Amino acid sequence: MSDAMTIAAAGVRANLAALSDAAASVVAATMPSTQDAAPAPVKASGFLLAYNPDAPFANLQDLVAVPNASPEAAITGALQAANGVRANLVVYRIASHLYRSLLNL
């Protein structure tokens, strides 16, 4: 079984990835959309396809990915990921201190 430092480091890495995804969701959710039609569901990735022929990044069918979350939900996800990073760093620091104190015995 892994020690606490390894588990905390893996948790920090996972939370940083979640923080990056949450930040992208915040940006996508707060961008003004110019969609003309109702979005069509795509997959469970958190994005929907919406028809927007004026978008420079639209695909060949003039569909654009739009977030499937409100800005409030995206910001909440970012806060949860940031709190997860802080918690894992505290666990890592405590485990490191305990490991160093064992080496001093």
N, C-alpha and C. Protein backbone atom coordinates (compact mmCIF):
# COMPACT_ATOMS: atom_id res chain seq x y z
N MET A 1 0.83 -1.18 0.00
CA MET A 1 0.00 0.00 0.00
C MET A 1 0.88 1.25 0.00
N SER A 2 0.43 2.25 -0.71
CA SER A 2 1.21 3.48 -0.82
C SER A 2 1.20 4.26 0.48
N ASP A 3 2.26 5.02 0.70
CA ASP A 3 2.29 5.84 1.90
C ASP A 3 1.48 7.12 1.69
N ALA A 4 1.32 7.88 2.74
CA ALA A 4 0.47 9.07 2.70
C ALA A 4 1.02 10.13 1.75
N MET A 5 2.33 10.23 1.63
CA MET A 5 2.91 11.24 0.75
C MET A 5 2.59 10.93 -0.72
N THR A 6 2.66 9.67 -1.09
CA THR A 6 2.35 9.27 -2.47
C THR A 6 0.88 9.50 -2.78
N ILE A 7 0.03 9.15 -1.83
CA ILE A 7 -1.41 9.34 -2.03
C ILE A 7 -1.73 10.83 -2.14
N ALA A 8 -1.12 11.66 -1.29
CA ALA A 8 -1.38 13.09 -1.34
C ALA A 8 -0.86 13.71 -2.64
N ALA A 9 0.31 13.25 -3.10
CA ALA A 9 0.86 13.77 -4.36
C ALA A 9 -0.05 13.40 -5.54
N ALA A 10 -0.58 12.19 -5.53
CA ALA A 10 -1.51 11.79 -6.59
C ALA A 10 -2.80 12.60 -6.50
N GLY A 11 -3.25 12.90 -5.30
CA GLY A 11 -4.44 13.72 -5.12
C GLY A 11 -4.22 15.14 -5.61
N VAL A 12 -3.04 15.70 -5.36
CA VAL A 12 -2.74 17.04 -5.85
C VAL A 12 -2.75 17.05 -7.37
N ARG A 13 -2.14 16.04 -7.98
CA ARG A 13 -2.11 15.97 -9.44
C ARG A 13 -3.52 15.85 -10.01
N ALA A 14 -4.36 15.03 -9.41
CA ALA A 14 -5.74 14.87 -9.89
C ALA A 14 -6.54 16.16 -9.69
N ASN A 15 -6.34 16.83 -8.55
CA ASN A 15 -7.07 18.07 -8.30
C ASN A 15 -6.60 19.20 -9.21
N LEU A 16 -5.32 19.23 -9.56
CA LEU A 16 -4.84 20.25 -10.49
C LEU A 16 -5.44 20.04 -11.88
N ALA A 17 -5.57 18.78 -12.29
CA ALA A 17 -6.23 18.50 -13.57
C ALA A 17 -7.69 18.92 -13.53
N ALA A 18 -8.36 18.64 -12.40
CA ALA A 18 -9.76 19.05 -12.25
C ALA A 18 -9.88 20.57 -12.22
N LEU A 19 -8.90 21.25 -11.61
CA LEU A 19 -8.91 22.71 -11.56
C LEU A 19 -8.74 23.29 -12.96
N SER A 20 -7.90 22.67 -13.76
CA SER A 20 -7.72 23.12 -15.14
C SER A 20 -9.01 22.95 -15.94
N ASP A 21 -9.66 21.80 -15.78
CA ASP A 21 -10.94 21.56 -16.46
C ASP A 21 -12.01 22.54 -15.99
N ALA A 22 -12.03 22.80 -14.69
CA ALA A 22 -13.03 23.72 -14.14
C ALA A 22 -12.79 25.14 -14.64
N ALA A 23 -11.53 25.52 -14.76
CA ALA A 23 -11.23 26.85 -15.28
C ALA A 23 -11.68 26.98 -16.73
N ALA A 24 -11.48 25.94 -17.52
CA ALA A 24 -11.95 25.96 -18.91
C ALA A 24 -13.47 26.03 -18.96
N SER A 25 -14.14 25.35 -18.03
CA SER A 25 -15.60 25.41 -17.98
C SER A 25 -16.09 26.80 -17.59
N VAL A 26 -15.37 27.46 -16.67
CA VAL A 26 -15.76 28.81 -16.28
C VAL A 26 -15.64 29.75 -17.47
N VAL A 27 -14.57 29.64 -18.21
CA VAL A 27 -14.38 30.49 -19.38
C VAL A 27 -15.45 30.21 -20.42
N ALA A 28 -15.71 28.94 -20.67
CA ALA A 28 -16.71 28.59 -21.67
C ALA A 28 -18.12 29.00 -21.23
N ALA A 29 -18.40 28.88 -19.94
CA ALA A 29 -19.74 29.20 -19.46
C ALA A 29 -20.00 30.70 -19.41
N THR A 30 -18.96 31.49 -19.31
CA THR A 30 -19.15 32.93 -19.21
C THR A 30 -18.98 33.64 -20.54
N MET A 31 -18.63 32.93 -21.60
CA MET A 31 -18.52 33.54 -22.92
C MET A 31 -19.92 33.77 -23.48
N PRO A 32 -20.15 34.90 -24.10
CA PRO A 32 -21.47 35.12 -24.69
C PRO A 32 -21.68 34.19 -25.88
N SER A 33 -22.84 33.58 -25.94
CA SER A 33 -23.10 32.67 -27.04
C SER A 33 -24.01 33.35 -28.05
N THR A 34 -23.83 32.98 -29.29
CA THR A 34 -24.64 33.55 -30.36
C THR A 34 -25.39 32.44 -31.08
N GLN A 35 -25.83 31.46 -30.33
CA GLN A 35 -26.51 30.34 -30.96
C GLN A 35 -27.92 30.73 -31.37
N ASP A 36 -28.35 30.19 -32.53
CA ASP A 36 -29.66 30.50 -33.06
C ASP A 36 -30.67 29.39 -32.80
N ALA A 37 -30.21 28.19 -32.50
CA ALA A 37 -31.11 27.06 -32.31
C ALA A 37 -30.83 26.41 -30.97
N ALA A 38 -31.73 25.53 -30.59
CA ALA A 38 -31.56 24.80 -29.33
C ALA A 38 -30.39 23.84 -29.46
N PRO A 39 -29.57 23.69 -28.42
CA PRO A 39 -28.44 22.78 -28.50
C PRO A 39 -28.87 21.33 -28.56
N ALA A 40 -28.09 20.55 -29.29
CA ALA A 40 -28.34 19.11 -29.40
C ALA A 40 -27.35 18.38 -28.52
N PRO A 41 -27.81 17.41 -27.71
CA PRO A 41 -26.88 16.71 -26.83
C PRO A 41 -25.85 15.90 -27.61
N VAL A 42 -24.61 15.91 -27.12
CA VAL A 42 -23.53 15.20 -27.79
C VAL A 42 -23.09 13.99 -26.98
N LYS A 43 -22.50 14.22 -25.84
CA LYS A 43 -22.03 13.16 -24.96
C LYS A 43 -21.91 13.72 -23.55
N ALA A 44 -21.49 12.90 -22.64
CA ALA A 44 -21.44 13.32 -21.22
C ALA A 44 -20.17 14.07 -20.89
N SER A 45 -19.62 14.84 -21.80
CA SER A 45 -18.38 15.56 -21.54
C SER A 45 -18.61 16.93 -20.93
N GLY A 46 -19.87 17.35 -20.83
CA GLY A 46 -20.14 18.67 -20.29
C GLY A 46 -20.36 19.71 -21.36
N PHE A 47 -20.33 19.31 -22.63
CA PHE A 47 -20.55 20.24 -23.72
C PHE A 47 -21.68 19.77 -24.61
N LEU A 48 -22.37 20.70 -25.22
CA LEU A 48 -23.43 20.44 -26.18
C LEU A 48 -23.04 21.06 -27.51
N LEU A 49 -23.68 20.62 -28.58
CA LEU A 49 -23.47 21.24 -29.88
C LEU A 49 -24.61 22.20 -30.17
N ALA A 50 -24.28 23.38 -30.64
CA ALA A 50 -25.28 24.38 -30.99
C ALA A 50 -24.98 24.90 -32.39
N TYR A 51 -26.00 25.21 -33.14
CA TYR A 51 -25.85 25.72 -34.49
C TYR A 51 -25.45 27.20 -34.44
N ASN A 52 -24.32 27.52 -35.07
CA ASN A 52 -23.84 28.89 -35.12
C ASN A 52 -23.01 29.05 -36.39
N PRO A 53 -23.60 29.47 -37.50
CA PRO A 53 -22.85 29.57 -38.75
C PRO A 53 -21.84 30.70 -38.78
N ASP A 54 -21.95 31.67 -37.87
CA ASP A 54 -21.03 32.81 -37.87
C ASP A 54 -19.75 32.56 -37.08
N ALA A 55 -19.69 31.46 -36.34
CA ALA A 55 -18.51 31.20 -35.51
C ALA A 55 -17.34 30.76 -36.39
N PRO A 56 -16.17 31.36 -36.19
CA PRO A 56 -15.01 30.97 -37.01
C PRO A 56 -14.50 29.57 -36.69
N PHE A 57 -14.85 29.03 -35.52
CA PHE A 57 -14.36 27.72 -35.11
C PHE A 57 -15.42 26.63 -35.25
N ALA A 58 -16.48 26.90 -36.01
CA ALA A 58 -17.55 25.91 -36.21
C ALA A 58 -17.05 24.81 -37.14
N ASN A 59 -17.66 23.62 -36.99
CA ASN A 59 -17.28 22.51 -37.86
C ASN A 59 -18.01 22.64 -39.20
N LEU A 60 -17.94 21.60 -40.05
CA LEU A 60 -18.52 21.68 -41.40
C LEU A 60 -20.04 21.81 -41.37
N GLN A 61 -20.69 21.37 -40.31
CA GLN A 61 -22.14 21.50 -40.17
C GLN A 61 -22.54 22.79 -39.44
N ASP A 62 -21.59 23.69 -39.24
CA ASP A 62 -21.81 24.95 -38.52
C ASP A 62 -22.23 24.72 -37.08
N LEU A 63 -21.72 23.66 -36.45
CA LEU A 63 -22.01 23.37 -35.05
C LEU A 63 -20.82 23.78 -34.19
N VAL A 64 -21.13 24.31 -33.03
CA VAL A 64 -20.11 24.79 -32.09
C VAL A 64 -20.36 24.14 -30.74
N ALA A 65 -19.30 23.77 -30.03
CA ALA A 65 -19.43 23.21 -28.68
C ALA A 65 -19.72 24.33 -27.71
N VAL A 66 -20.77 24.18 -26.93
CA VAL A 66 -21.13 25.15 -25.89
C VAL A 66 -21.22 24.41 -24.56
N PRO A 67 -20.92 25.06 -23.46
CA PRO A 67 -20.93 24.36 -22.16
C PRO A 67 -22.34 23.97 -21.75
N ASN A 68 -22.40 22.84 -21.06
CA ASN A 68 -23.67 22.34 -20.55
C ASN A 68 -23.80 22.65 -19.07
N ALA A 69 -23.22 23.75 -18.63
CA ALA A 69 -23.27 24.11 -17.22
C ALA A 69 -23.45 25.61 -17.09
N SER A 70 -24.02 25.98 -16.00
CA SER A 70 -24.17 27.41 -15.72
C SER A 70 -22.83 27.95 -15.20
N PRO A 71 -22.62 29.24 -15.28
CA PRO A 71 -21.38 29.80 -14.72
C PRO A 71 -21.23 29.51 -13.23
N GLU A 72 -22.36 29.47 -12.51
CA GLU A 72 -22.30 29.19 -11.07
C GLU A 72 -21.77 27.79 -10.81
N ALA A 73 -22.23 26.81 -11.59
CA ALA A 73 -21.76 25.43 -11.42
C ALA A 73 -20.29 25.31 -11.79
N ALA A 74 -19.86 26.01 -12.82
CA ALA A 74 -18.45 25.96 -13.22
C ALA A 74 -17.55 26.58 -12.16
N ILE A 75 -17.98 27.69 -11.57
CA ILE A 75 -17.18 28.34 -10.54
C ILE A 75 -17.14 27.48 -9.28
N THR A 76 -18.26 26.83 -8.96
CA THR A 76 -18.28 25.92 -7.81
C THR A 76 -17.31 24.77 -8.00
N GLY A 77 -17.25 24.23 -9.22
CA GLY A 77 -16.29 23.16 -9.52
C GLY A 77 -14.86 23.62 -9.36
N ALA A 78 -14.58 24.85 -9.78
CA ALA A 78 -13.23 25.39 -9.62
C ALA A 78 -12.87 25.55 -8.15
N LEU A 79 -13.82 26.03 -7.35
CA LEU A 79 -13.56 26.18 -5.91
C LEU A 79 -13.35 24.84 -5.23
N GLN A 80 -14.13 23.84 -5.62
CA GLN A 80 -13.96 22.51 -5.04
C GLN A 80 -12.60 21.92 -5.39
N ALA A 81 -12.16 22.11 -6.63
CA ALA A 81 -10.85 21.59 -7.03
C ALA A 81 -9.73 22.33 -6.30
N ALA A 82 -9.87 23.64 -6.11
CA ALA A 82 -8.85 24.41 -5.38
C ALA A 82 -8.78 23.96 -3.93
N ASN A 83 -9.93 23.72 -3.31
CA ASN A 83 -9.93 23.23 -1.93
C ASN A 83 -9.33 21.84 -1.83
N GLY A 84 -9.54 21.01 -2.84
CA GLY A 84 -8.93 19.69 -2.86
C GLY A 84 -7.41 19.76 -2.94
N VAL A 85 -6.90 20.69 -3.74
CA VAL A 85 -5.45 20.88 -3.83
C VAL A 85 -4.89 21.31 -2.48
N ARG A 86 -5.55 22.27 -1.84
CA ARG A 86 -5.08 22.73 -0.52
C ARG A 86 -5.09 21.61 0.51
N ALA A 87 -6.14 20.82 0.52
CA ALA A 87 -6.24 19.72 1.49
C ALA A 87 -5.15 18.68 1.26
N ASN A 88 -4.90 18.33 0.01
CA ASN A 88 -3.86 17.35 -0.28
C ASN A 88 -2.47 17.89 0.03
N LEU A 89 -2.25 19.19 -0.14
CA LEU A 89 -0.96 19.77 0.23
C LEU A 89 -0.75 19.73 1.74
N VAL A 90 -1.81 19.94 2.51
CA VAL A 90 -1.70 19.85 3.97
C VAL A 90 -1.35 18.41 4.38
N VAL A 91 -2.02 17.44 3.78
CA VAL A 91 -1.72 16.04 4.09
C VAL A 91 -0.27 15.71 3.72
N TYR A 92 0.17 16.19 2.56
CA TYR A 92 1.55 15.94 2.12
C TYR A 92 2.55 16.56 3.10
N ARG A 93 2.27 17.79 3.54
CA ARG A 93 3.18 18.47 4.46
C ARG A 93 3.25 17.74 5.80
N ILE A 94 2.12 17.29 6.31
CA ILE A 94 2.11 16.56 7.59
C ILE A 94 2.83 15.23 7.46
N ALA A 95 2.57 14.50 6.36
CA ALA A 95 3.24 13.21 6.15
C ALA A 95 4.74 13.41 6.00
N SER A 96 5.15 14.46 5.33
CA SER A 96 6.57 14.75 5.18
C SER A 96 7.21 15.05 6.53
N HIS A 97 6.53 15.84 7.34
CA HIS A 97 7.04 16.17 8.68
C HIS A 97 7.17 14.91 9.54
N LEU A 98 6.15 14.05 9.50
CA LEU A 98 6.22 12.82 10.28
C LEU A 98 7.33 11.89 9.80
N TYR A 99 7.53 11.84 8.49
CA TYR A 99 8.60 11.00 7.93
C TYR A 99 9.97 11.52 8.36
N ARG A 100 10.15 12.85 8.31
CA ARG A 100 11.43 13.42 8.74
C ARG A 100 11.66 13.22 10.24
N SER A 101 10.59 13.27 11.03
CA SER A 101 10.76 13.07 12.47
C SER A 101 11.13 11.62 12.77
N LEU A 102 10.65 10.68 11.95
CA LEU A 102 11.06 9.28 12.12
C LEU A 102 12.53 9.09 11.78
N LEU A 103 13.03 9.82 10.80
CA LEU A 103 14.44 9.70 10.42
C LEU A 103 15.35 10.27 11.50
N ASN A 104 14.86 11.20 12.31
CA ASN A 104 15.67 11.80 13.38
C ASN A 104 15.76 10.95 14.62
N LEU A 105 14.99 9.86 14.68
CA LEU A 105 15.05 9.00 15.88
C LEU A 105 16.32 8.26 15.94
